C-alpha atoms as a PDB file:
ATOM      1  CA  MET A   1       0.000   0.000   0.000  1.00  0.00           C
ATOM      2  CA  LYS A   2       1.202   3.535  -0.810  1.00  0.00           C
ATOM      3  CA  ILE A   3       0.744   5.805   2.210  1.00  0.00           C
ATOM      4  CA  VAL A   4       1.283   9.572   2.208  1.00  0.00           C
ATOM      5  CA  ILE A   5       1.529  11.052   5.707  1.00  0.00           C
ATOM      6  CA  THR A   6       2.345  14.534   6.966  1.00  0.00           C
ATOM      7  CA  GLY A   7       4.113  15.323  10.220  1.00  0.00           C
ATOM      8  CA  VAL A   8       6.221  12.194   9.933  1.00  0.00           C
ATOM      9  CA  THR A   9       9.269  13.277  11.926  1.00  0.00           C
ATOM     10  CA  LYS A  10       7.920  12.701  15.447  1.00  0.00           C
ATOM     11  CA  GLY A  11       4.959  11.711  17.577  1.00  0.00           C
ATOM     12  CA  LEU A  12       2.066   9.827  16.060  1.00  0.00           C
ATOM     13  CA  GLY A  13       3.213  10.297  12.476  1.00  0.00           C
ATOM     14  CA  ARG A  14       6.638   8.819  13.123  1.00  0.00           C
ATOM     15  CA  ALA A  15       5.180   5.928  15.112  1.00  0.00           C
ATOM     16  CA  LEU A  16       2.702   5.037  12.370  1.00  0.00           C
ATOM     17  CA  ALA A  17       5.368   5.279   9.680  1.00  0.00           C
ATOM     18  CA  GLU A  18       7.693   2.940  11.572  1.00  0.00           C
ATOM     19  CA  VAL A  19       4.986   0.273  11.867  1.00  0.00           C
ATOM     20  CA  TRP A  20       3.953   0.509   8.240  1.00  0.00           C
ATOM     21  CA  MET A  21       7.504   0.440   6.918  1.00  0.00           C
ATOM     22  CA  THR A  22       8.192  -2.675   8.988  1.00  0.00           C
ATOM     23  CA  GLU A  23       5.112  -4.293   7.445  1.00  0.00           C
ATOM     24  CA  GLY A  24       6.301  -3.595   3.906  1.00  0.00           C
ATOM     25  CA  HIS A  25       4.095  -0.675   2.928  1.00  0.00           C
ATOM     26  CA  THR A  26       5.560   2.245   0.981  1.00  0.00           C
ATOM     27  CA  VAL A  27       5.632   5.345   3.176  1.00  0.00           C
ATOM     28  CA  ILE A  28       5.859   8.812   1.641  1.00  0.00           C
ATOM     29  CA  GLY A  29       6.188  11.374   4.404  1.00  0.00           C
ATOM     30  CA  CYS A  30       6.946  14.987   5.047  1.00  0.00           C
ATOM     31  CA  GLY A  31       7.867  17.155   8.013  1.00  0.00           C
ATOM     32  CA  ARG A  32       9.431  20.487   8.850  1.00  0.00           C
ATOM     33  CA  SER A  33      12.537  19.154  10.625  1.00  0.00           C
ATOM     34  CA  GLY A  34      15.404  18.886   8.170  1.00  0.00           C
ATOM     35  CA  PRO A  35      17.730  16.798  10.389  1.00  0.00           C
ATOM     36  CA  GLU A  36      15.016  14.265  11.209  1.00  0.00           C
ATOM     37  CA  ILE A  37      13.968  13.957   7.552  1.00  0.00           C
ATOM     38  CA  PHE A  38      17.634  13.384   6.681  1.00  0.00           C
ATOM     39  CA  ASP A  39      17.826  10.602   9.291  1.00  0.00           C
ATOM     40  CA  LEU A  40      14.675   8.971   7.916  1.00  0.00           C
ATOM     41  CA  ARG A  41      16.134   9.034   4.419  1.00  0.00           C
ATOM     42  CA  LEU A  42      19.329   7.370   5.625  1.00  0.00           C
ATOM     43  CA  ASP A  43      17.523   4.740   7.676  1.00  0.00           C
ATOM     44  CA  HIS A  44      14.804   3.980   5.114  1.00  0.00           C
ATOM     45  CA  PRO A  45      16.184   4.670   1.614  1.00  0.00           C
ATOM     46  CA  GLN A  46      13.447   2.626  -0.070  1.00  0.00           C
ATOM     47  CA  HIS A  47      10.832   5.114   1.117  1.00  0.00           C
ATOM     48  CA  HIS A  48      10.358   8.817   0.352  1.00  0.00           C
ATOM     49  CA  PHE A  49      10.785  11.665   2.856  1.00  0.00           C
ATOM     50  CA  ALA A  50      10.858  15.406   2.214  1.00  0.00           C
ATOM     51  CA  VAL A  51      11.113  18.647   4.142  1.00  0.00           C
ATOM     52  CA  VAL A  52       7.776  20.385   3.610  1.00  0.00           C
ATOM     53  CA  ASP A  53       5.865  22.995   5.592  1.00  0.00           C
ATOM     54  CA  VAL A  54       2.245  22.094   4.846  1.00  0.00           C
ATOM     55  CA  ALA A  55       1.183  25.659   5.687  1.00  0.00           C
ATOM     56  CA  LEU A  56       2.837  26.789   2.431  1.00  0.00           C
ATOM     57  CA  ASP A  57       0.743  25.740  -0.541  1.00  0.00           C
ATOM     58  CA  ASN A  58       3.546  26.303  -3.057  1.00  0.00           C
ATOM     59  CA  LYS A  59       5.803  23.916  -1.123  1.00  0.00           C
ATOM     60  CA  VAL A  60       3.051  21.297  -0.930  1.00  0.00           C
ATOM     61  CA  ALA A  61       2.470  21.713  -4.664  1.00  0.00           C
ATOM     62  CA  LEU A  62       6.126  21.019  -5.487  1.00  0.00           C
ATOM     63  CA  TRP A  63       6.179  18.018  -3.164  1.00  0.00           C
ATOM     64  CA  SER A  64       3.016  16.575  -4.683  1.00  0.00           C
ATOM     65  CA  VAL A  65       4.371  16.852  -8.225  1.00  0.00           C
ATOM     66  CA  ASP A  66       7.449  14.881  -7.179  1.00  0.00           C
ATOM     67  CA  VAL A  67       5.452  12.251  -5.260  1.00  0.00           C
ATOM     68  CA  LEU A  68       2.661  11.773  -7.794  1.00  0.00           C
ATOM     69  CA  GLY A  69       5.152  11.606 -10.644  1.00  0.00           C
ATOM     70  CA  SER A  70       7.112   8.859  -8.905  1.00  0.00           C
ATOM     71  CA  TYR A  71       4.386   6.875  -7.148  1.00  0.00           C
ATOM     72  CA  GLY A  72       1.021   7.879  -8.596  1.00  0.00           C
ATOM     73  CA  PRO A  73      -1.977   8.573  -6.345  1.00  0.00           C
ATOM     74  CA  PRO A  74      -1.728   7.171  -2.816  1.00  0.00           C
ATOM     75  CA  ASP A  75      -3.982   4.474  -1.427  1.00  0.00           C
ATOM     76  CA  LEU A  76      -4.044   6.272   1.912  1.00  0.00           C
ATOM     77  CA  LEU A  77      -3.545   9.988   2.582  1.00  0.00           C
ATOM     78  CA  ILE A  78      -3.111  10.969   6.231  1.00  0.00           C
ATOM     79  CA  ASN A  79      -3.116  14.576   7.381  1.00  0.00           C
ATOM     80  CA  ASN A  80      -1.347  14.272  10.725  1.00  0.00           C
ATOM     81  CA  ALA A  81       0.746  17.462  10.913  1.00  0.00           C
ATOM     82  CA  ALA A  82      -0.555  19.821  13.586  1.00  0.00           C
ATOM     83  CA  MET A  83       0.545  22.128  16.369  1.00  0.00           C
ATOM     84  CA  MET A  84      -0.756  23.016  19.830  1.00  0.00           C
ATOM     85  CA  ASN A  85      -1.342  26.549  21.063  1.00  0.00           C
ATOM     86  CA  ARG A  86       0.388  27.975  24.127  1.00  0.00           C
ATOM     87  CA  PRO A  87      -1.991  27.189  27.004  1.00  0.00           C
ATOM     88  CA  ALA A  88      -3.727  30.451  27.894  1.00  0.00           C
ATOM     89  CA  PRO A  89      -7.186  32.044  27.765  1.00  0.00           C
ATOM     90  CA  LEU A  90      -8.304  32.908  24.255  1.00  0.00           C
ATOM     91  CA  TRP A  91      -7.952  36.665  24.834  1.00  0.00           C
ATOM     92  CA  GLU A  92      -4.271  36.160  25.649  1.00  0.00           C
ATOM     93  CA  GLN A  93      -3.562  34.376  22.367  1.00  0.00           C
ATOM     94  CA  SER A  94      -1.864  36.795  19.975  1.00  0.00           C
ATOM     95  CA  ASP A  95      -2.968  37.154  16.376  1.00  0.00           C
ATOM     96  CA  ALA A  96       0.403  35.792  15.242  1.00  0.00           C
ATOM     97  CA  GLU A  97       0.058  32.670  17.406  1.00  0.00           C
ATOM     98  CA  PHE A  98      -3.526  32.100  16.328  1.00  0.00           C
ATOM     99  CA  THR A  99      -2.730  32.566  12.650  1.00  0.00           C
ATOM    100  CA  LYS A 100       0.232  30.180  12.786  1.00  0.00           C
ATOM    101  CA  LEU A 101      -1.957  27.455  14.285  1.00  0.00           C
ATOM    102  CA  VAL A 102      -4.682  27.970  11.679  1.00  0.00           C
ATOM    103  CA  ASP A 103      -2.090  27.862   8.898  1.00  0.00           C
ATOM    104  CA  VAL A 104      -0.828  24.435   9.999  1.00  0.00           C
ATOM    105  CA  ASN A 105      -3.901  22.744  11.447  1.00  0.00           C
ATOM    106  CA  LEU A 106      -6.500  23.853   8.897  1.00  0.00           C
ATOM    107  CA  ARG A 107      -4.922  25.462   5.852  1.00  0.00           C
ATOM    108  CA  GLY A 108      -2.196  22.810   5.865  1.00  0.00           C
ATOM    109  CA  VAL A 109      -4.768  20.027   5.619  1.00  0.00           C
ATOM    110  CA  ALA A 110      -6.595  21.819   2.816  1.00  0.00           C
ATOM    111  CA  ASN A 111      -3.309  22.384   0.964  1.00  0.00           C
ATOM    112  CA  VAL A 112      -2.447  18.677   1.038  1.00  0.00           C
ATOM    113  CA  ILE A 113      -5.942  17.630  -0.037  1.00  0.00           C
ATOM    114  CA  ARG A 114      -5.917  20.192  -2.857  1.00  0.00           C
ATOM    115  CA  ARG A 115      -2.769  18.653  -4.299  1.00  0.00           C
ATOM    116  CA  PHE A 116      -3.262  14.938  -3.672  1.00  0.00           C
ATOM    117  CA  ALA A 117      -7.019  14.388  -3.876  1.00  0.00           C
ATOM    118  CA  PRO A 118      -7.577  15.081  -7.625  1.00  0.00           C
ATOM    119  CA  PRO A 119      -5.756  11.961  -8.914  1.00  0.00           C
ATOM    120  CA  MET A 120      -7.365   9.877  -6.151  1.00  0.00           C
ATOM    121  CA  VAL A 121     -10.798  11.164  -7.176  1.00  0.00           C
ATOM    122  CA  GLU A 122     -10.032  10.500 -10.833  1.00  0.00           C
ATOM    123  CA  ALA A 123      -9.138   6.905  -9.940  1.00  0.00           C
ATOM    124  CA  LYS A 124     -12.132   6.687  -7.553  1.00  0.00           C
ATOM    125  CA  HIS A 125      -9.801   5.024  -5.100  1.00  0.00           C
ATOM    126  CA  GLY A 126      -8.272   5.844  -1.749  1.00  0.00           C
ATOM    127  CA  VAL A 127      -8.947   6.904   1.807  1.00  0.00           C
ATOM    128  CA  ILE A 128      -8.241  10.342   3.279  1.00  0.00           C
ATOM    129  CA  VAL A 129      -7.765  10.394   7.054  1.00  0.00           C
ATOM    130  CA  ASN A 130      -7.600  13.764   8.792  1.00  0.00           C
ATOM    131  CA  LEU A 131      -6.397  13.525  12.383  1.00  0.00           C
ATOM    132  CA  SER A 132      -8.908  15.141  14.691  1.00  0.00           C
ATOM    133  CA  SER A 133      -8.934  15.050  18.491  1.00  0.00           C
ATOM    134  CA  GLY A 134     -11.124  14.587  21.518  1.00  0.00           C
ATOM    135  CA  TRP A 135     -10.911  18.381  21.513  1.00  0.00           C
ATOM    136  CA  GLY A 136     -12.498  18.345  18.079  1.00  0.00           C
ATOM    137  CA  ARG A 137     -15.656  16.972  19.697  1.00  0.00           C
ATOM    138  CA  SER A 138     -15.435  18.609  23.126  1.00  0.00           C
ATOM    139  CA  VAL A 139     -13.638  21.609  24.665  1.00  0.00           C
ATOM    140  CA  SER A 140     -11.311  22.549  27.515  1.00  0.00           C
ATOM    141  CA  PRO A 141     -10.046  25.879  28.842  1.00  0.00           C
ATOM    142  CA  GLU A 142      -6.826  27.408  27.561  1.00  0.00           C
ATOM    143  CA  VAL A 143      -6.776  25.377  24.340  1.00  0.00           C
ATOM    144  CA  ALA A 144      -9.484  27.260  22.436  1.00  0.00           C
ATOM    145  CA  PRO A 145      -7.441  27.742  19.226  1.00  0.00           C
ATOM    146  CA  TYR A 146      -6.584  24.046  19.078  1.00  0.00           C
ATOM    147  CA  CYS A 147     -10.195  23.055  19.811  1.00  0.00           C
ATOM    148  CA  MET A 148     -11.352  25.405  17.061  1.00  0.00           C
ATOM    149  CA  SER A 149      -8.957  23.863  14.575  1.00  0.00           C
ATOM    150  CA  LYS A 150      -9.986  20.297  15.332  1.00  0.00           C
ATOM    151  CA  TRP A 151     -13.707  21.120  15.280  1.00  0.00           C
ATOM    152  CA  GLY A 152     -12.880  22.608  11.877  1.00  0.00           C
ATOM    153  CA  ILE A 153     -11.220  19.350  10.819  1.00  0.00           C
ATOM    154  CA  GLU A 154     -14.382  17.472  11.749  1.00  0.00           C
ATOM    155  CA  GLY A 155     -16.581  19.776   9.645  1.00  0.00           C
ATOM    156  CA  MET A 156     -14.220  20.024   6.702  1.00  0.00           C
ATOM    157  CA  THR A 157     -13.741  16.257   6.545  1.00  0.00           C
ATOM    158  CA  LYS A 158     -17.444  15.477   6.747  1.00  0.00           C
ATOM    159  CA  ALA A 159     -18.137  17.955   3.937  1.00  0.00           C
ATOM    160  CA  LEU A 160     -15.305  16.457   1.880  1.00  0.00           C
ATOM    161  CA  ALA A 161     -16.848  13.023   2.392  1.00  0.00           C
ATOM    162  CA  GLU A 162     -19.974  14.171   0.584  1.00  0.00           C
ATOM    163  CA  GLU A 163     -17.927  15.361  -2.378  1.00  0.00           C
ATOM    164  CA  LEU A 164     -16.017  12.122  -2.977  1.00  0.00           C
ATOM    165  CA  PRO A 165     -17.082   9.494  -5.520  1.00  0.00           C
ATOM    166  CA  ASP A 166     -18.343   6.090  -4.468  1.00  0.00           C
ATOM    167  CA  GLY A 167     -15.523   3.827  -3.391  1.00  0.00           C
ATOM    168  CA  MET A 168     -13.554   6.518  -1.559  1.00  0.00           C
ATOM    169  CA  ALA A 169     -13.688   7.745   2.017  1.00  0.00           C
ATOM    170  CA  ALA A 170     -12.776  10.779   4.109  1.00  0.00           C
ATOM    171  CA  VAL A 171     -12.598  10.124   7.847  1.00  0.00           C
ATOM    172  CA  PRO A 172     -11.996  12.490  10.784  1.00  0.00           C
ATOM    173  CA  LEU A 173     -10.071  10.292  13.218  1.00  0.00           C
ATOM    174  CA  ASN A 174      -9.573  10.953  16.919  1.00  0.00           C
ATOM    175  CA  PRO A 175      -6.348   9.151  17.889  1.00  0.00           C
ATOM    176  CA  GLY A 176      -7.189   9.245  21.589  1.00  0.00           C
ATOM    177  CA  VAL A 177      -4.971  10.614  24.362  1.00  0.00           C
ATOM    178  CA  ILE A 178      -1.322   9.773  23.723  1.00  0.00           C
ATOM    179  CA  ASP A 179       1.846  10.761  25.577  1.00  0.00           C
ATOM    180  CA  THR A 180       3.452  13.058  22.988  1.00  0.00           C
ATOM    181  CA  ASP A 181       5.339  16.355  23.107  1.00  0.00           C
ATOM    182  CA  MET A 182       2.098  18.072  22.120  1.00  0.00           C
ATOM    183  CA  LEU A 183       0.188  16.615  25.060  1.00  0.00           C
ATOM    184  CA  ARG A 184       3.021  17.436  27.455  1.00  0.00           C
ATOM    185  CA  ALA A 185       2.774  21.063  26.324  1.00  0.00           C
ATOM    186  CA  CYS A 186      -0.695  21.056  27.895  1.00  0.00           C
ATOM    187  CA  TRP A 187      -0.518  18.556  30.735  1.00  0.00           C
ATOM    188  CA  SER A 188       3.198  18.461  31.523  1.00  0.00           C
ATOM    189  CA  ASP A 189       4.122  15.285  33.407  1.00  0.00           C
ATOM    190  CA  GLY A 190       0.454  14.252  33.590  1.00  0.00           C
ATOM    191  CA  ALA A 191       0.832  13.064  30.010  1.00  0.00           C
ATOM    192  CA  GLY A 192       2.928  10.181  31.306  1.00  0.00           C
ATOM    193  CA  ALA A 193      -0.225   8.393  32.431  1.00  0.00           C
ATOM    194  CA  TYR A 194      -1.117   7.720  28.801  1.00  0.00           C
ATOM    195  CA  PRO A 195       0.434   5.327  26.259  1.00  0.00           C
ATOM    196  CA  LYS A 196       3.501   6.294  24.284  1.00  0.00           C
ATOM    197  CA  ALA A 197       3.141   6.829  20.547  1.00  0.00           C
ATOM    198  CA  ALA A 198       4.948   3.590  19.644  1.00  0.00           C
ATOM    199  CA  GLU A 199       2.617   1.542  21.838  1.00  0.00           C
ATOM    200  CA  TRP A 200      -0.441   3.357  20.471  1.00  0.00           C
ATOM    201  CA  ALA A 201       0.641   2.740  16.883  1.00  0.00           C
ATOM    202  CA  LYS A 202       0.530  -1.038  17.323  1.00  0.00           C
ATOM    203  CA  ALA A 203      -3.270  -0.807  17.478  1.00  0.00           C
ATOM    204  CA  ALA A 204      -3.759   2.358  15.433  1.00  0.00           C
ATOM    205  CA  ALA A 205      -1.800   1.309  12.337  1.00  0.00           C
ATOM    206  CA  PRO A 206      -3.910  -1.776  11.485  1.00  0.00           C
ATOM    207  CA  PHE A 207      -7.107   0.050  12.406  1.00  0.00           C
ATOM    208  CA  ILE A 208      -6.353   2.838   9.932  1.00  0.00           C
ATOM    209  CA  LEU A 209      -5.444   0.394   7.168  1.00  0.00           C
ATOM    210  CA  GLN A 210      -8.862  -1.266   7.353  1.00  0.00           C
ATOM    211  CA  LEU A 211     -10.753   2.012   6.852  1.00  0.00           C
ATOM    212  CA  GLY A 212     -12.705   2.119   3.596  1.00  0.00           C
ATOM    213  CA  ALA A 213     -15.781   3.356   1.790  1.00  0.00           C
ATOM    214  CA  LYS A 214     -18.005   1.990   4.566  1.00  0.00           C
ATOM    215  CA  ASP A 215     -16.495   4.578   6.931  1.00  0.00           C
ATOM    216  CA  ASN A 216     -16.922   7.632   4.703  1.00  0.00           C
ATOM    217  CA  GLY A 217     -17.856  10.702   6.720  1.00  0.00           C
ATOM    218  CA  GLN A 218     -17.888   8.966  10.089  1.00  0.00           C
ATOM    219  CA  SER A 219     -16.202  10.504  13.107  1.00  0.00           C
ATOM    220  CA  LEU A 220     -14.125   7.608  14.404  1.00  0.00           C
ATOM    221  CA  THR A 221     -11.755   6.999  17.327  1.00  0.00           C
ATOM    222  CA  VAL A 222      -8.857   4.571  17.442  1.00  0.00           C
ATOM    223  CA  PRO A 223     -10.037   1.619  19.577  1.00  0.00           C
ATOM    224  CA  GLY A 224      -8.694   1.809  23.084  1.00  0.00           C
ATOM    225  CA  GLY A 225      -7.860   5.493  22.770  1.00  0.00           C
ATOM    226  CA  ALA A 226      -9.300   7.615  25.558  1.00  0.00           C
ATOM    227  CA  ASP A 227     -11.540  10.423  24.321  1.00  0.00           C
END
């Protein structure tokens, strides 16, 4: 299976990629960290990794031309790249901070879909998974920008699902609560009570691979992941 995934250098994206590469799938990933992309290229030369900021549509466009020209449309497209806001009341979030989060968490997803979905739609084949969150279906104080972005992912993905041809699917997926750098930015050491990304990926990776047309437009959660 050909899998395109954003935010592949750390956290959930890296954990999923490691499982899928071990299982023999072709992983095509991007991230903003040059050194970590370089390491992935050295460690996994049979796969494809690139430095891309998904918030920049022109960069995503160049990446997609390279990927689609070499591999064709993916079987699975996963929008995983995201960032967390600085924990604070909404009125203390600066315009610059808010805009940066929107650019990655919402515009970044739209940029990737804009570039990769057309050949998938033409082939009437493939699944698009946009990583949501428990905070895309509920709220908490001091994370309003992040909640907003993930509620937006839910709505955008469900609307996309109605635009796809039969045989395809778009799924907003809540991964559950995982001990990642992003969670620690909110909960500090309290994040340690939750599973590490590598442990989570053992259940999440096969669950994602079995998603198909039957799941189109459904808000799903990785089994065992706390909401």
